[in-house]
Amino acid sequence: MTRPARTEPARTEKLDLRLSAASKRKLAAAATAERRTVSDFVLASALDRADEALAGRRDFQLDAAAWQDLLAALDAPPRDLPELRKLLREPGLFSAGRQK
């Protein structure tokens, strides 16, 4: 999926990376094939991949039954979890009153 050209704010940040000569040649060949600079090609490819990686964390689709199940779970009272209650009463690692 190729990212469409769009108006972007001025590029003021820099990102450096190390790569092998073979990887650099491959990126240059791909950029040439798409008639782009290597920088534009790498940036667009990285942003496409970032969108893919984040999509599942941002958006999810549910059918009507699953949506109703989710709403019911969110509206339900919390379950009693005695072990969790006990854990939360214990002093934290950096608590002032923690025993050594």
N, C-alpha and C. Protein backbone atom coordinates (compact mmCIF):
# COMPACT_ATOMS: atom_id res chain seq x y z
N MET A 1 0.84 -1.16 0.00
CA MET A 1 0.00 0.00 0.00
C MET A 1 0.89 1.23 0.00
N THR A 2 0.76 2.06 -1.00
CA THR A 2 1.59 3.24 -1.11
C THR A 2 0.86 4.43 -0.52
N ARG A 3 1.55 5.13 0.32
CA ARG A 3 1.00 6.31 0.98
C ARG A 3 0.80 7.41 -0.06
N PRO A 4 -0.39 8.00 -0.14
CA PRO A 4 -0.62 9.07 -1.11
C PRO A 4 0.17 10.33 -0.73
N ALA A 5 0.53 11.09 -1.74
CA ALA A 5 1.23 12.34 -1.49
C ALA A 5 0.28 13.28 -0.76
N ARG A 6 0.80 13.96 0.24
CA ARG A 6 -0.02 14.91 0.97
C ARG A 6 0.86 16.03 1.50
N THR A 7 0.22 17.10 1.85
CA THR A 7 0.96 18.23 2.40
C THR A 7 1.33 17.89 3.84
N GLU A 8 2.60 17.95 4.15
CA GLU A 8 3.08 17.64 5.48
C GLU A 8 3.81 18.84 6.04
N PRO A 9 3.87 18.92 7.36
CA PRO A 9 4.67 19.99 7.96
C PRO A 9 6.13 19.84 7.57
N ALA A 10 6.86 20.91 7.68
CA ALA A 10 8.29 20.87 7.34
C ALA A 10 8.98 19.78 8.14
N ARG A 11 9.88 19.09 7.50
CA ARG A 11 10.65 18.04 8.17
C ARG A 11 11.78 18.68 8.95
N THR A 12 11.65 18.66 10.25
CA THR A 12 12.67 19.29 11.09
C THR A 12 13.44 18.27 11.92
N GLU A 13 12.97 17.04 11.96
CA GLU A 13 13.62 16.01 12.76
C GLU A 13 14.45 15.10 11.87
N LYS A 14 15.47 14.49 12.48
CA LYS A 14 16.35 13.60 11.73
C LYS A 14 16.37 12.23 12.40
N LEU A 15 16.43 11.19 11.59
CA LEU A 15 16.50 9.82 12.09
C LEU A 15 17.66 9.14 11.36
N ASP A 16 18.63 8.67 12.11
CA ASP A 16 19.78 7.97 11.53
C ASP A 16 19.63 6.48 11.79
N LEU A 17 20.11 5.67 10.86
CA LEU A 17 20.12 4.24 11.09
C LEU A 17 21.31 3.61 10.38
N ARG A 18 21.71 2.48 10.90
CA ARG A 18 22.81 1.71 10.31
C ARG A 18 22.21 0.56 9.54
N LEU A 19 22.76 0.28 8.38
CA LEU A 19 22.28 -0.83 7.56
C LEU A 19 23.43 -1.36 6.73
N SER A 20 23.24 -2.55 6.21
CA SER A 20 24.27 -3.17 5.38
C SER A 20 24.26 -2.53 4.00
N ALA A 21 25.35 -2.73 3.27
CA ALA A 21 25.43 -2.21 1.91
C ALA A 21 24.34 -2.83 1.03
N ALA A 22 24.08 -4.11 1.24
CA ALA A 22 23.04 -4.79 0.45
C ALA A 22 21.66 -4.19 0.74
N SER A 23 21.38 -3.90 1.99
CA SER A 23 20.10 -3.29 2.34
C SER A 23 19.98 -1.91 1.72
N LYS A 24 21.05 -1.15 1.75
CA LYS A 24 21.04 0.19 1.17
C LYS A 24 20.79 0.12 -0.33
N ARG A 25 21.44 -0.83 -1.01
CA ARG A 25 21.22 -0.99 -2.45
C ARG A 25 19.77 -1.38 -2.75
N LYS A 26 19.22 -2.26 -1.93
CA LYS A 26 17.84 -2.70 -2.13
C LYS A 26 16.87 -1.52 -1.96
N LEU A 27 17.06 -0.72 -0.93
CA LEU A 27 16.21 0.45 -0.72
C LEU A 27 16.35 1.45 -1.86
N ALA A 28 17.57 1.65 -2.33
CA ALA A 28 17.79 2.58 -3.44
C ALA A 28 17.11 2.08 -4.72
N ALA A 29 17.19 0.79 -4.95
CA ALA A 29 16.55 0.22 -6.15
C ALA A 29 15.03 0.37 -6.06
N ALA A 30 14.48 0.11 -4.89
CA ALA A 30 13.04 0.23 -4.71
C ALA A 30 12.60 1.69 -4.86
N ALA A 31 13.37 2.60 -4.30
CA ALA A 31 13.05 4.03 -4.42
C ALA A 31 13.10 4.46 -5.88
N THR A 32 14.09 4.00 -6.60
CA THR A 32 14.21 4.33 -8.02
C THR A 32 13.01 3.78 -8.79
N ALA A 33 12.61 2.55 -8.47
CA ALA A 33 11.47 1.94 -9.16
C ALA A 33 10.19 2.75 -8.96
N GLU A 34 10.08 3.40 -7.82
CA GLU A 34 8.90 4.21 -7.54
C GLU A 34 9.12 5.69 -7.84
N ARG A 35 10.26 6.00 -8.41
CA ARG A 35 10.62 7.38 -8.77
C ARG A 35 10.52 8.32 -7.57
N ARG A 36 11.16 7.89 -6.50
CA ARG A 36 11.22 8.66 -5.27
C ARG A 36 12.65 8.72 -4.79
N THR A 37 12.90 9.65 -3.89
CA THR A 37 14.21 9.65 -3.24
C THR A 37 14.22 8.51 -2.23
N VAL A 38 15.41 8.08 -1.86
CA VAL A 38 15.52 7.03 -0.85
C VAL A 38 14.88 7.51 0.45
N SER A 39 15.12 8.75 0.80
CA SER A 39 14.56 9.30 2.03
C SER A 39 13.03 9.26 1.99
N ASP A 40 12.43 9.70 0.90
CA ASP A 40 10.97 9.67 0.78
C ASP A 40 10.44 8.24 0.81
N PHE A 41 11.12 7.35 0.10
CA PHE A 41 10.69 5.95 0.06
C PHE A 41 10.74 5.32 1.45
N VAL A 42 11.85 5.51 2.15
CA VAL A 42 12.01 4.91 3.48
C VAL A 42 11.01 5.50 4.46
N LEU A 43 10.82 6.81 4.42
CA LEU A 43 9.87 7.45 5.32
C LEU A 43 8.45 6.95 5.07
N ALA A 44 8.03 6.94 3.81
CA ALA A 44 6.68 6.47 3.49
C ALA A 44 6.49 5.01 3.89
N SER A 45 7.50 4.19 3.61
CA SER A 45 7.41 2.76 3.97
C SER A 45 7.34 2.58 5.47
N ALA A 46 8.14 3.32 6.20
CA ALA A 46 8.15 3.20 7.65
C ALA A 46 6.82 3.69 8.24
N LEU A 47 6.27 4.77 7.70
CA LEU A 47 4.99 5.28 8.20
C LEU A 47 3.85 4.31 7.87
N ASP A 48 3.89 3.68 6.70
CA ASP A 48 2.88 2.67 6.37
C ASP A 48 2.94 1.53 7.37
N ARG A 49 4.15 1.08 7.66
CA ARG A 49 4.33 -0.03 8.61
C ARG A 49 3.90 0.38 10.02
N ALA A 50 4.17 1.63 10.40
CA ALA A 50 3.75 2.13 11.71
C ALA A 50 2.22 2.13 11.80
N ASP A 51 1.55 2.55 10.73
CA ASP A 51 0.09 2.53 10.71
C ASP A 51 -0.43 1.11 10.90
N GLU A 52 0.19 0.14 10.24
CA GLU A 52 -0.22 -1.26 10.38
C GLU A 52 -0.01 -1.75 11.81
N ALA A 53 1.14 -1.41 12.39
CA ALA A 53 1.45 -1.87 13.74
C ALA A 53 0.51 -1.26 14.77
N LEU A 54 0.08 -0.03 14.55
CA LEU A 54 -0.77 0.65 15.51
C LEU A 54 -2.26 0.40 15.30
N ALA A 55 -2.63 -0.03 14.11
CA ALA A 55 -4.06 -0.17 13.78
C ALA A 55 -4.78 -1.10 14.75
N GLY A 56 -4.18 -2.22 15.07
CA GLY A 56 -4.83 -3.17 15.97
C GLY A 56 -4.91 -2.68 17.40
N ARG A 57 -4.14 -1.69 17.73
CA ARG A 57 -4.17 -1.15 19.08
C ARG A 57 -5.12 0.03 19.18
N ARG A 58 -5.52 0.56 18.06
CA ARG A 58 -6.34 1.76 18.00
C ARG A 58 -7.78 1.44 17.62
N ASP A 59 -7.94 0.56 16.66
CA ASP A 59 -9.25 0.26 16.10
C ASP A 59 -9.51 -1.24 16.15
N PHE A 60 -10.74 -1.60 16.42
CA PHE A 60 -11.13 -3.00 16.28
C PHE A 60 -12.59 -3.04 15.88
N GLN A 61 -12.96 -4.08 15.18
CA GLN A 61 -14.31 -4.24 14.65
C GLN A 61 -15.01 -5.36 15.40
N LEU A 62 -16.27 -5.14 15.74
CA LEU A 62 -17.07 -6.15 16.39
C LEU A 62 -18.41 -6.29 15.68
N ASP A 63 -18.92 -7.51 15.59
CA ASP A 63 -20.27 -7.67 15.07
C ASP A 63 -21.25 -7.28 16.19
N ALA A 64 -22.52 -7.23 15.89
CA ALA A 64 -23.52 -6.75 16.84
C ALA A 64 -23.52 -7.57 18.13
N ALA A 65 -23.41 -8.88 18.02
CA ALA A 65 -23.44 -9.74 19.21
C ALA A 65 -22.21 -9.50 20.08
N ALA A 66 -21.05 -9.41 19.45
CA ALA A 66 -19.82 -9.18 20.21
C ALA A 66 -19.84 -7.80 20.87
N TRP A 67 -20.42 -6.81 20.17
CA TRP A 67 -20.54 -5.46 20.74
C TRP A 67 -21.42 -5.50 22.00
N GLN A 68 -22.53 -6.21 21.94
CA GLN A 68 -23.40 -6.32 23.10
C GLN A 68 -22.70 -7.03 24.26
N ASP A 69 -21.92 -8.06 23.93
CA ASP A 69 -21.14 -8.77 24.96
C ASP A 69 -20.13 -7.83 25.61
N LEU A 70 -19.47 -7.01 24.81
CA LEU A 70 -18.49 -6.05 25.34
C LEU A 70 -19.18 -5.05 26.25
N LEU A 71 -20.30 -4.49 25.81
CA LEU A 71 -21.04 -3.53 26.64
C LEU A 71 -21.47 -4.15 27.95
N ALA A 72 -21.94 -5.39 27.91
CA ALA A 72 -22.37 -6.08 29.13
C ALA A 72 -21.18 -6.27 30.08
N ALA A 73 -20.04 -6.63 29.54
CA ALA A 73 -18.85 -6.83 30.37
C ALA A 73 -18.41 -5.51 30.99
N LEU A 74 -18.47 -4.43 30.23
CA LEU A 74 -18.07 -3.13 30.76
C LEU A 74 -19.04 -2.63 31.83
N ASP A 75 -20.32 -2.96 31.68
CA ASP A 75 -21.34 -2.50 32.62
C ASP A 75 -21.45 -3.40 33.86
N ALA A 76 -20.90 -4.58 33.79
CA ALA A 76 -21.02 -5.53 34.90
C ALA A 76 -20.19 -5.04 36.10
N PRO A 77 -20.65 -5.37 37.31
CA PRO A 77 -19.84 -5.01 38.49
C PRO A 77 -18.54 -5.80 38.47
N PRO A 78 -17.52 -5.26 39.08
CA PRO A 78 -16.23 -5.97 39.09
C PRO A 78 -16.32 -7.27 39.88
N ARG A 79 -15.57 -8.26 39.45
CA ARG A 79 -15.51 -9.54 40.18
C ARG A 79 -14.67 -9.35 41.42
N ASP A 80 -14.98 -10.09 42.45
CA ASP A 80 -14.17 -10.06 43.66
C ASP A 80 -12.94 -10.92 43.41
N LEU A 81 -11.77 -10.33 43.55
CA LEU A 81 -10.51 -11.05 43.36
C LEU A 81 -9.69 -10.89 44.65
N PRO A 82 -9.87 -11.79 45.59
CA PRO A 82 -9.21 -11.66 46.89
C PRO A 82 -7.69 -11.54 46.79
N GLU A 83 -7.07 -12.30 45.91
CA GLU A 83 -5.61 -12.23 45.78
C GLU A 83 -5.16 -10.85 45.29
N LEU A 84 -5.91 -10.27 44.37
CA LEU A 84 -5.58 -8.93 43.88
C LEU A 84 -5.77 -7.91 45.00
N ARG A 85 -6.87 -8.03 45.75
CA ARG A 85 -7.12 -7.12 46.86
C ARG A 85 -5.96 -7.19 47.86
N LYS A 86 -5.49 -8.41 48.17
CA LYS A 86 -4.37 -8.61 49.09
C LYS A 86 -3.10 -7.96 48.53
N LEU A 87 -2.84 -8.16 47.25
CA LEU A 87 -1.65 -7.59 46.62
C LEU A 87 -1.67 -6.07 46.68
N LEU A 88 -2.82 -5.49 46.45
CA LEU A 88 -2.91 -4.03 46.44
C LEU A 88 -2.78 -3.42 47.83
N ARG A 89 -3.00 -4.21 48.87
CA ARG A 89 -2.82 -3.72 50.24
C ARG A 89 -1.36 -3.77 50.68
N GLU A 90 -0.54 -4.56 49.99
CA GLU A 90 0.87 -4.67 50.36
C GLU A 90 1.61 -3.41 49.94
N PRO A 91 2.64 -3.03 50.72
CA PRO A 91 3.43 -1.86 50.31
C PRO A 91 4.15 -2.14 48.99
N GLY A 92 4.28 -1.12 48.19
CA GLY A 92 4.98 -1.25 46.91
C GLY A 92 6.48 -1.31 47.10
N LEU A 93 7.17 -1.62 46.04
CA LEU A 93 8.63 -1.74 46.08
C LEU A 93 9.29 -0.48 46.60
N PHE A 94 8.75 0.67 46.25
CA PHE A 94 9.37 1.93 46.66
C PHE A 94 8.60 2.63 47.77
N SER A 95 7.68 1.92 48.41
CA SER A 95 6.92 2.50 49.52
C SER A 95 7.82 2.79 50.70
N ALA A 96 7.55 3.88 51.42
CA ALA A 96 8.38 4.29 52.55
C ALA A 96 8.35 3.24 53.67
N GLY A 97 7.21 2.60 53.89
CA GLY A 97 7.08 1.66 54.99
C GLY A 97 7.44 0.24 54.64
N ARG A 98 8.05 0.01 53.52
CA ARG A 98 8.36 -1.34 53.05
C ARG A 98 9.43 -1.99 53.94
N GLN A 99 9.18 -3.25 54.33
CA GLN A 99 10.13 -4.02 55.11
C GLN A 99 11.19 -4.61 54.20
N LYS A 100 12.42 -4.69 54.67
CA LYS A 100 13.50 -5.28 53.86
C LYS A 100 13.68 -6.73 54.20
